[in-house]
Amino acid sequence: MGREPMTEALAYFINDAGWLAPLYYVLSFVVTALLPFIPTPLVGALGGAALGVGPAVLYGILGLGLGAFIALNLSRRLGRPIVLKLVTPSVWAEWESLLGIRSVFVWGVIFFILNVDFAVVAAGLSSLRLRDLWLAAMIARFPWLLASAWFGDLIFVSDTVMLFALVLMIAGMVVIGKLRPRVHHMLVRWAERRDPGALARARRRAAERRMRDERRGPPTLGD
């Protein structure tokens, strides 16, 4: 029995891409790291459907690591102006409340629970070492990569299953988007209990960074 149109098209793309398919997959994680409105679990699911669970996870680790490395370093180097290119000032005001946190463990929890690439970008503006933040991001996000790759491999059986799964995924992302501000607020309060003074430090660092960014003007890669 042959494949249905959607699964047949996906299979054709995989076969046509050949050895470039893993490269496209890895680069997709870099794109999601720099354009945080693209959900990384969706990339992982597509990788699972296209490559299978094992290759999707292995290549996904490479993609996550490369994406997190680039996001953290760009954020640390270019500063606040770069994050304001990605989100609105009102959204960034919520994230700034986390920048005083000096616990890698707390940032790991944030990476795991929120599982959004912008959390990694925001973490780059904290005072922690980038190496520690990178490792925390990799450990915290690996379970999501594994689950999404498995899910993608599971739904690559028929058009009906793929459409049903897509509807569920979109609905889930909408619900998570609605709950995220509340979860974010809870994480801030939890972090403050674990690290007293985190909020005060965040406000002070935010004010210092705004003043520094205003003095140096728009960032350039050549700075």
C-alpha atoms as a PDB file:
ATOM      1  CA  MET A   1       0.000   0.000   0.000  1.00  0.00           C
ATOM      2  CA  GLY A   2       1.498   3.351  -1.097  1.00  0.00           C
ATOM      3  CA  ARG A   3       1.922   6.449   0.983  1.00  0.00           C
ATOM      4  CA  GLU A   4      -0.691   9.202   1.041  1.00  0.00           C
ATOM      5  CA  PRO A   5       0.045  12.573  -0.657  1.00  0.00           C
ATOM      6  CA  MET A   6       1.510  14.466   2.329  1.00  0.00           C
ATOM      7  CA  THR A   7       3.713  11.657   3.560  1.00  0.00           C
ATOM      8  CA  GLU A   8       4.716  10.904  -0.019  1.00  0.00           C
ATOM      9  CA  ALA A   9       5.767  14.548  -0.494  1.00  0.00           C
ATOM     10  CA  LEU A  10       7.794  14.489   2.708  1.00  0.00           C
ATOM     11  CA  ALA A  11       9.480  11.250   1.702  1.00  0.00           C
ATOM     12  CA  TYR A  12      10.303  12.739  -1.716  1.00  0.00           C
ATOM     13  CA  PHE A  13      11.866  15.800  -0.091  1.00  0.00           C
ATOM     14  CA  ILE A  14      14.023  13.607   2.146  1.00  0.00           C
ATOM     15  CA  ASN A  15      15.208  11.465  -0.733  1.00  0.00           C
ATOM     16  CA  ASP A  16      15.762  14.468  -2.992  1.00  0.00           C
ATOM     17  CA  ALA A  17      17.792  16.347  -0.355  1.00  0.00           C
ATOM     18  CA  GLY A  18      20.082  13.368   0.117  1.00  0.00           C
ATOM     19  CA  TRP A  19      23.120  14.088   2.282  1.00  0.00           C
ATOM     20  CA  LEU A  20      22.025  17.719   2.630  1.00  0.00           C
ATOM     21  CA  ALA A  21      18.927  16.764   4.648  1.00  0.00           C
ATOM     22  CA  PRO A  22      20.870  16.503   7.957  1.00  0.00           C
ATOM     23  CA  LEU A  23      22.600  19.811   7.181  1.00  0.00           C
ATOM     24  CA  TYR A  24      19.263  21.550   6.567  1.00  0.00           C
ATOM     25  CA  TYR A  25      18.015  20.076   9.824  1.00  0.00           C
ATOM     26  CA  VAL A  26      21.007  21.316  11.840  1.00  0.00           C
ATOM     27  CA  LEU A  27      20.809  24.794  10.313  1.00  0.00           C
ATOM     28  CA  SER A  28      17.097  24.915  11.179  1.00  0.00           C
ATOM     29  CA  PHE A  29      18.051  24.975  14.866  1.00  0.00           C
ATOM     30  CA  VAL A  30      20.355  27.924  14.227  1.00  0.00           C
ATOM     31  CA  VAL A  31      17.493  29.756  12.513  1.00  0.00           C
ATOM     32  CA  THR A  32      15.132  29.082  15.431  1.00  0.00           C
ATOM     33  CA  ALA A  33      17.801  30.314  17.861  1.00  0.00           C
ATOM     34  CA  LEU A  34      17.976  33.647  16.023  1.00  0.00           C
ATOM     35  CA  LEU A  35      14.253  33.849  15.183  1.00  0.00           C
ATOM     36  CA  PRO A  36      12.655  32.710  18.460  1.00  0.00           C
ATOM     37  CA  PHE A  37       9.072  32.833  17.158  1.00  0.00           C
ATOM     38  CA  ILE A  38       9.743  29.534  15.334  1.00  0.00           C
ATOM     39  CA  PRO A  39       9.184  26.725  17.894  1.00  0.00           C
ATOM     40  CA  THR A  40      12.156  24.379  18.224  1.00  0.00           C
ATOM     41  CA  PRO A  41       9.952  21.335  19.067  1.00  0.00           C
ATOM     42  CA  LEU A  42       8.395  21.700  15.622  1.00  0.00           C
ATOM     43  CA  VAL A  43      11.861  21.427  14.054  1.00  0.00           C
ATOM     44  CA  GLY A  44      12.586  18.372  16.173  1.00  0.00           C
ATOM     45  CA  ALA A  45       9.312  16.759  15.126  1.00  0.00           C
ATOM     46  CA  LEU A  46      10.013  17.391  11.455  1.00  0.00           C
ATOM     47  CA  GLY A  47      13.474  15.920  11.943  1.00  0.00           C
ATOM     48  CA  GLY A  48      12.010  12.828  13.545  1.00  0.00           C
ATOM     49  CA  ALA A  49       9.600  12.427  10.642  1.00  0.00           C
ATOM     50  CA  ALA A  50      12.307  13.011   8.040  1.00  0.00           C
ATOM     51  CA  LEU A  51      15.306  11.221   9.514  1.00  0.00           C
ATOM     52  CA  GLY A  52      14.014   8.908  12.228  1.00  0.00           C
ATOM     53  CA  VAL A  53      14.433   9.243  15.990  1.00  0.00           C
ATOM     54  CA  GLY A  54      18.119   8.323  16.280  1.00  0.00           C
ATOM     55  CA  PRO A  55      19.542  10.596  13.564  1.00  0.00           C
ATOM     56  CA  ALA A  56      17.125  13.399  14.480  1.00  0.00           C
ATOM     57  CA  VAL A  57      18.343  13.354  18.086  1.00  0.00           C
ATOM     58  CA  LEU A  58      22.040  13.118  17.178  1.00  0.00           C
ATOM     59  CA  TYR A  59      21.907  15.870  14.575  1.00  0.00           C
ATOM     60  CA  GLY A  60      19.535  17.801  16.818  1.00  0.00           C
ATOM     61  CA  ILE A  61      22.123  17.874  19.606  1.00  0.00           C
ATOM     62  CA  LEU A  62      24.573  19.410  17.150  1.00  0.00           C
ATOM     63  CA  GLY A  63      21.952  21.925  16.001  1.00  0.00           C
ATOM     64  CA  LEU A  64      20.900  22.860  19.535  1.00  0.00           C
ATOM     65  CA  GLY A  65      24.508  23.278  20.591  1.00  0.00           C
ATOM     66  CA  LEU A  66      25.414  25.451  17.620  1.00  0.00           C
ATOM     67  CA  GLY A  67      22.243  27.538  17.920  1.00  0.00           C
ATOM     68  CA  ALA A  68      22.702  28.101  21.667  1.00  0.00           C
ATOM     69  CA  PHE A  69      26.383  29.002  21.183  1.00  0.00           C
ATOM     70  CA  ILE A  70      25.563  31.615  18.541  1.00  0.00           C
ATOM     71  CA  ALA A  71      22.580  33.031  20.456  1.00  0.00           C
ATOM     72  CA  LEU A  72      24.474  33.361  23.740  1.00  0.00           C
ATOM     73  CA  ASN A  73      27.526  34.982  22.174  1.00  0.00           C
ATOM     74  CA  LEU A  74      25.570  37.403  20.013  1.00  0.00           C
ATOM     75  CA  SER A  75      23.451  38.400  22.986  1.00  0.00           C
ATOM     76  CA  ARG A  76      26.486  38.908  25.239  1.00  0.00           C
ATOM     77  CA  ARG A  77      28.429  40.795  22.559  1.00  0.00           C
ATOM     78  CA  LEU A  78      25.719  43.017  21.107  1.00  0.00           C
ATOM     79  CA  GLY A  79      23.684  43.567  24.269  1.00  0.00           C
ATOM     80  CA  ARG A  80      20.181  44.825  24.853  1.00  0.00           C
ATOM     81  CA  PRO A  81      19.592  46.363  21.391  1.00  0.00           C
ATOM     82  CA  ILE A  82      19.801  42.938  19.754  1.00  0.00           C
ATOM     83  CA  VAL A  83      17.085  41.455  21.970  1.00  0.00           C
ATOM     84  CA  LEU A  84      14.820  44.423  21.302  1.00  0.00           C
ATOM     85  CA  LYS A  85      15.013  43.469  17.626  1.00  0.00           C
ATOM     86  CA  LEU A  86      13.452  40.121  18.518  1.00  0.00           C
ATOM     87  CA  VAL A  87      10.695  41.083  20.971  1.00  0.00           C
ATOM     88  CA  THR A  88       8.718  44.161  21.951  1.00  0.00           C
ATOM     89  CA  PRO A  89       9.924  46.335  24.864  1.00  0.00           C
ATOM     90  CA  SER A  90       6.943  45.205  26.987  1.00  0.00           C
ATOM     91  CA  VAL A  91       7.841  41.543  26.515  1.00  0.00           C
ATOM     92  CA  TRP A  92      11.495  42.239  27.187  1.00  0.00           C
ATOM     93  CA  ALA A  93      10.576  44.044  30.421  1.00  0.00           C
ATOM     94  CA  GLU A  94       9.346  40.698  31.765  1.00  0.00           C
ATOM     95  CA  TRP A  95      12.562  38.921  30.781  1.00  0.00           C
ATOM     96  CA  GLU A  96      14.758  41.606  32.338  1.00  0.00           C
ATOM     97  CA  SER A  97      13.413  40.561  35.725  1.00  0.00           C
ATOM     98  CA  LEU A  98      15.406  37.334  35.363  1.00  0.00           C
ATOM     99  CA  LEU A  99      18.801  38.837  34.578  1.00  0.00           C
ATOM    100  CA  GLY A 100      19.850  39.195  38.212  1.00  0.00           C
ATOM    101  CA  ILE A 101      19.675  35.434  38.755  1.00  0.00           C
ATOM    102  CA  ARG A 102      23.156  34.035  39.411  1.00  0.00           C
ATOM    103  CA  SER A 103      22.175  30.374  39.686  1.00  0.00           C
ATOM    104  CA  VAL A 104      22.902  28.115  36.709  1.00  0.00           C
ATOM    105  CA  PHE A 105      20.434  25.611  38.149  1.00  0.00           C
ATOM    106  CA  VAL A 106      17.625  28.176  38.124  1.00  0.00           C
ATOM    107  CA  TRP A 107      18.419  29.088  34.523  1.00  0.00           C
ATOM    108  CA  GLY A 108      18.350  25.391  33.668  1.00  0.00           C
ATOM    109  CA  VAL A 109      14.853  25.146  35.146  1.00  0.00           C
ATOM    110  CA  ILE A 110      13.818  28.181  33.098  1.00  0.00           C
ATOM    111  CA  PHE A 111      15.216  26.594  29.928  1.00  0.00           C
ATOM    112  CA  PHE A 112      13.374  23.355  30.631  1.00  0.00           C
ATOM    113  CA  ILE A 113       9.988  24.727  31.646  1.00  0.00           C
ATOM    114  CA  LEU A 114       9.679  27.534  29.115  1.00  0.00           C
ATOM    115  CA  ASN A 115      11.637  25.732  26.361  1.00  0.00           C
ATOM    116  CA  VAL A 116      11.840  28.795  24.128  1.00  0.00           C
ATOM    117  CA  ASP A 117      14.941  29.921  22.279  1.00  0.00           C
ATOM    118  CA  PHE A 118      14.527  33.467  23.524  1.00  0.00           C
ATOM    119  CA  ALA A 119      15.254  32.238  27.057  1.00  0.00           C
ATOM    120  CA  VAL A 120      18.756  31.389  25.826  1.00  0.00           C
ATOM    121  CA  VAL A 121      19.123  34.806  24.196  1.00  0.00           C
ATOM    122  CA  ALA A 122      17.993  36.512  27.409  1.00  0.00           C
ATOM    123  CA  ALA A 123      20.372  34.416  29.507  1.00  0.00           C
ATOM    124  CA  GLY A 124      23.274  35.770  27.481  1.00  0.00           C
ATOM    125  CA  LEU A 125      22.702  39.152  29.142  1.00  0.00           C
ATOM    126  CA  SER A 126      23.069  37.719  32.638  1.00  0.00           C
ATOM    127  CA  SER A 127      26.337  37.785  34.586  1.00  0.00           C
ATOM    128  CA  LEU A 128      26.932  34.021  34.425  1.00  0.00           C
ATOM    129  CA  ARG A 129      29.630  32.389  32.326  1.00  0.00           C
ATOM    130  CA  LEU A 130      28.465  31.556  28.829  1.00  0.00           C
ATOM    131  CA  ARG A 131      29.948  28.078  29.053  1.00  0.00           C
ATOM    132  CA  ASP A 132      27.805  27.272  32.090  1.00  0.00           C
ATOM    133  CA  LEU A 133      24.675  28.687  30.475  1.00  0.00           C
ATOM    134  CA  TRP A 134      25.346  26.744  27.267  1.00  0.00           C
ATOM    135  CA  LEU A 135      25.712  23.478  29.176  1.00  0.00           C
ATOM    136  CA  ALA A 136      22.559  24.173  31.195  1.00  0.00           C
ATOM    137  CA  ALA A 137      20.615  24.895  28.010  1.00  0.00           C
ATOM    138  CA  MET A 138      21.810  21.667  26.389  1.00  0.00           C
ATOM    139  CA  ILE A 139      20.938  19.497  29.383  1.00  0.00           C
ATOM    140  CA  ALA A 140      17.567  21.170  30.009  1.00  0.00           C
ATOM    141  CA  ARG A 141      16.397  21.090  26.395  1.00  0.00           C
ATOM    142  CA  PHE A 142      17.559  17.593  25.485  1.00  0.00           C
ATOM    143  CA  PRO A 143      14.393  15.887  26.841  1.00  0.00           C
ATOM    144  CA  TRP A 144      12.289  18.156  24.623  1.00  0.00           C
ATOM    145  CA  LEU A 145      14.414  17.276  21.608  1.00  0.00           C
ATOM    146  CA  LEU A 146      14.062  13.566  22.317  1.00  0.00           C
ATOM    147  CA  ALA A 147      10.292  13.815  22.815  1.00  0.00           C
ATOM    148  CA  SER A 148       9.696  15.913  19.707  1.00  0.00           C
ATOM    149  CA  ALA A 149      11.851  13.658  17.498  1.00  0.00           C
ATOM    150  CA  TRP A 150      10.011  10.585  18.772  1.00  0.00           C
ATOM    151  CA  PHE A 151       6.690  12.321  18.185  1.00  0.00           C
ATOM    152  CA  GLY A 152       7.661  13.248  14.630  1.00  0.00           C
ATOM    153  CA  ASP A 153       8.727   9.704  13.833  1.00  0.00           C
ATOM    154  CA  LEU A 154       5.485   8.388  15.305  1.00  0.00           C
ATOM    155  CA  ILE A 155       3.186  10.549  13.175  1.00  0.00           C
ATOM    156  CA  PHE A 156       4.974   9.805   9.885  1.00  0.00           C
ATOM    157  CA  VAL A 157       2.544   7.035   8.999  1.00  0.00           C
ATOM    158  CA  SER A 158      -0.414   8.642   7.217  1.00  0.00           C
ATOM    159  CA  ASP A 159      -1.910  11.990   6.276  1.00  0.00           C
ATOM    160  CA  THR A 160      -4.739  11.568   8.774  1.00  0.00           C
ATOM    161  CA  VAL A 161      -2.402  11.048  11.697  1.00  0.00           C
ATOM    162  CA  MET A 162      -0.144  13.909  10.598  1.00  0.00           C
ATOM    163  CA  LEU A 163      -3.042  16.366  10.268  1.00  0.00           C
ATOM    164  CA  PHE A 164      -4.482  15.330  13.630  1.00  0.00           C
ATOM    165  CA  ALA A 165      -1.080  15.693  15.281  1.00  0.00           C
ATOM    166  CA  LEU A 166      -0.562  19.094  13.650  1.00  0.00           C
ATOM    167  CA  VAL A 167      -3.869  20.356  15.003  1.00  0.00           C
ATOM    168  CA  LEU A 168      -2.980  19.115  18.478  1.00  0.00           C
ATOM    169  CA  MET A 169       0.468  20.719  18.277  1.00  0.00           C
ATOM    170  CA  ILE A 170      -0.942  24.095  17.217  1.00  0.00           C
ATOM    171  CA  ALA A 171      -3.557  23.952  19.976  1.00  0.00           C
ATOM    172  CA  GLY A 172      -0.875  23.053  22.493  1.00  0.00           C
ATOM    173  CA  MET A 173       1.325  25.968  21.429  1.00  0.00           C
ATOM    174  CA  VAL A 174      -1.622  28.363  21.782  1.00  0.00           C
ATOM    175  CA  VAL A 175      -2.367  27.102  25.295  1.00  0.00           C
ATOM    176  CA  ILE A 176       1.296  27.297  26.291  1.00  0.00           C
ATOM    177  CA  GLY A 177       1.487  30.820  24.887  1.00  0.00           C
ATOM    178  CA  LYS A 178      -1.481  31.843  27.031  1.00  0.00           C
ATOM    179  CA  LEU A 179      -0.013  30.269  30.170  1.00  0.00           C
ATOM    180  CA  ARG A 180       3.578  31.398  29.623  1.00  0.00           C
ATOM    181  CA  PRO A 181       3.249  34.868  31.280  1.00  0.00           C
ATOM    182  CA  ARG A 182       1.820  33.254  34.414  1.00  0.00           C
ATOM    183  CA  VAL A 183       4.520  30.571  34.421  1.00  0.00           C
ATOM    184  CA  HIS A 184       7.144  33.252  33.846  1.00  0.00           C
ATOM    185  CA  HIS A 185       5.868  35.193  36.878  1.00  0.00           C
ATOM    186  CA  MET A 186       5.959  32.046  39.028  1.00  0.00           C
ATOM    187  CA  LEU A 187       9.542  31.338  37.924  1.00  0.00           C
ATOM    188  CA  VAL A 188      10.611  34.867  38.838  1.00  0.00           C
ATOM    189  CA  ARG A 189       9.137  34.498  42.333  1.00  0.00           C
ATOM    190  CA  TRP A 190      10.663  31.053  42.751  1.00  0.00           C
ATOM    191  CA  ALA A 191      14.047  32.339  41.634  1.00  0.00           C
ATOM    192  CA  GLU A 192      13.823  35.206  44.107  1.00  0.00           C
ATOM    193  CA  ARG A 193      13.210  32.741  46.956  1.00  0.00           C
ATOM    194  CA  ARG A 194      16.210  30.649  45.917  1.00  0.00           C
ATOM    195  CA  ASP A 195      18.404  33.665  45.214  1.00  0.00           C
ATOM    196  CA  PRO A 196      17.366  36.594  47.446  1.00  0.00           C
ATOM    197  CA  GLY A 197      18.125  39.914  45.859  1.00  0.00           C
ATOM    198  CA  ALA A 198      17.888  38.577  42.305  1.00  0.00           C
ATOM    199  CA  LEU A 199      15.141  41.004  41.336  1.00  0.00           C
ATOM    200  CA  ALA A 200      17.010  43.993  42.766  1.00  0.00           C
ATOM    201  CA  ARG A 201      20.166  42.973  40.915  1.00  0.00           C
ATOM    202  CA  ALA A 202      18.160  42.515  37.714  1.00  0.00           C
ATOM    203  CA  ARG A 203      16.746  46.028  37.944  1.00  0.00           C
ATOM    204  CA  ARG A 204      20.190  47.478  38.647  1.00  0.00           C
ATOM    205  CA  ARG A 205      21.816  45.538  35.792  1.00  0.00           C
ATOM    206  CA  ALA A 206      18.997  46.543  33.428  1.00  0.00           C
ATOM    207  CA  ALA A 207      19.490  50.223  34.276  1.00  0.00           C
ATOM    208  CA  GLU A 208      23.263  49.948  33.847  1.00  0.00           C
ATOM    209  CA  ARG A 209      22.905  48.134  30.541  1.00  0.00           C
ATOM    210  CA  ARG A 210      20.429  50.697  29.193  1.00  0.00           C
ATOM    211  CA  MET A 211      22.808  53.519  30.068  1.00  0.00           C
ATOM    212  CA  ARG A 212      25.756  51.693  28.505  1.00  0.00           C
ATOM    213  CA  ASP A 213      23.805  50.907  25.326  1.00  0.00           C
ATOM    214  CA  GLU A 214      22.687  54.531  25.018  1.00  0.00           C
ATOM    215  CA  ARG A 215      26.287  55.738  25.327  1.00  0.00           C
ATOM    216  CA  ARG A 216      27.744  53.391  22.739  1.00  0.00           C
ATOM    217  CA  GLY A 217      24.867  53.700  20.231  1.00  0.00           C
ATOM    218  CA  PRO A 218      23.678  51.021  17.792  1.00  0.00           C
ATOM    219  CA  PRO A 219      25.812  47.837  17.955  1.00  0.00           C
ATOM    220  CA  THR A 220      27.844  46.572  15.052  1.00  0.00           C
ATOM    221  CA  LEU A 221      29.572  43.256  14.494  1.00  0.00           C
ATOM    222  CA  GLY A 222      32.828  45.096  14.177  1.00  0.00           C
ATOM    223  CA  ASP A 223      32.717  46.502  17.735  1.00  0.00           C
END
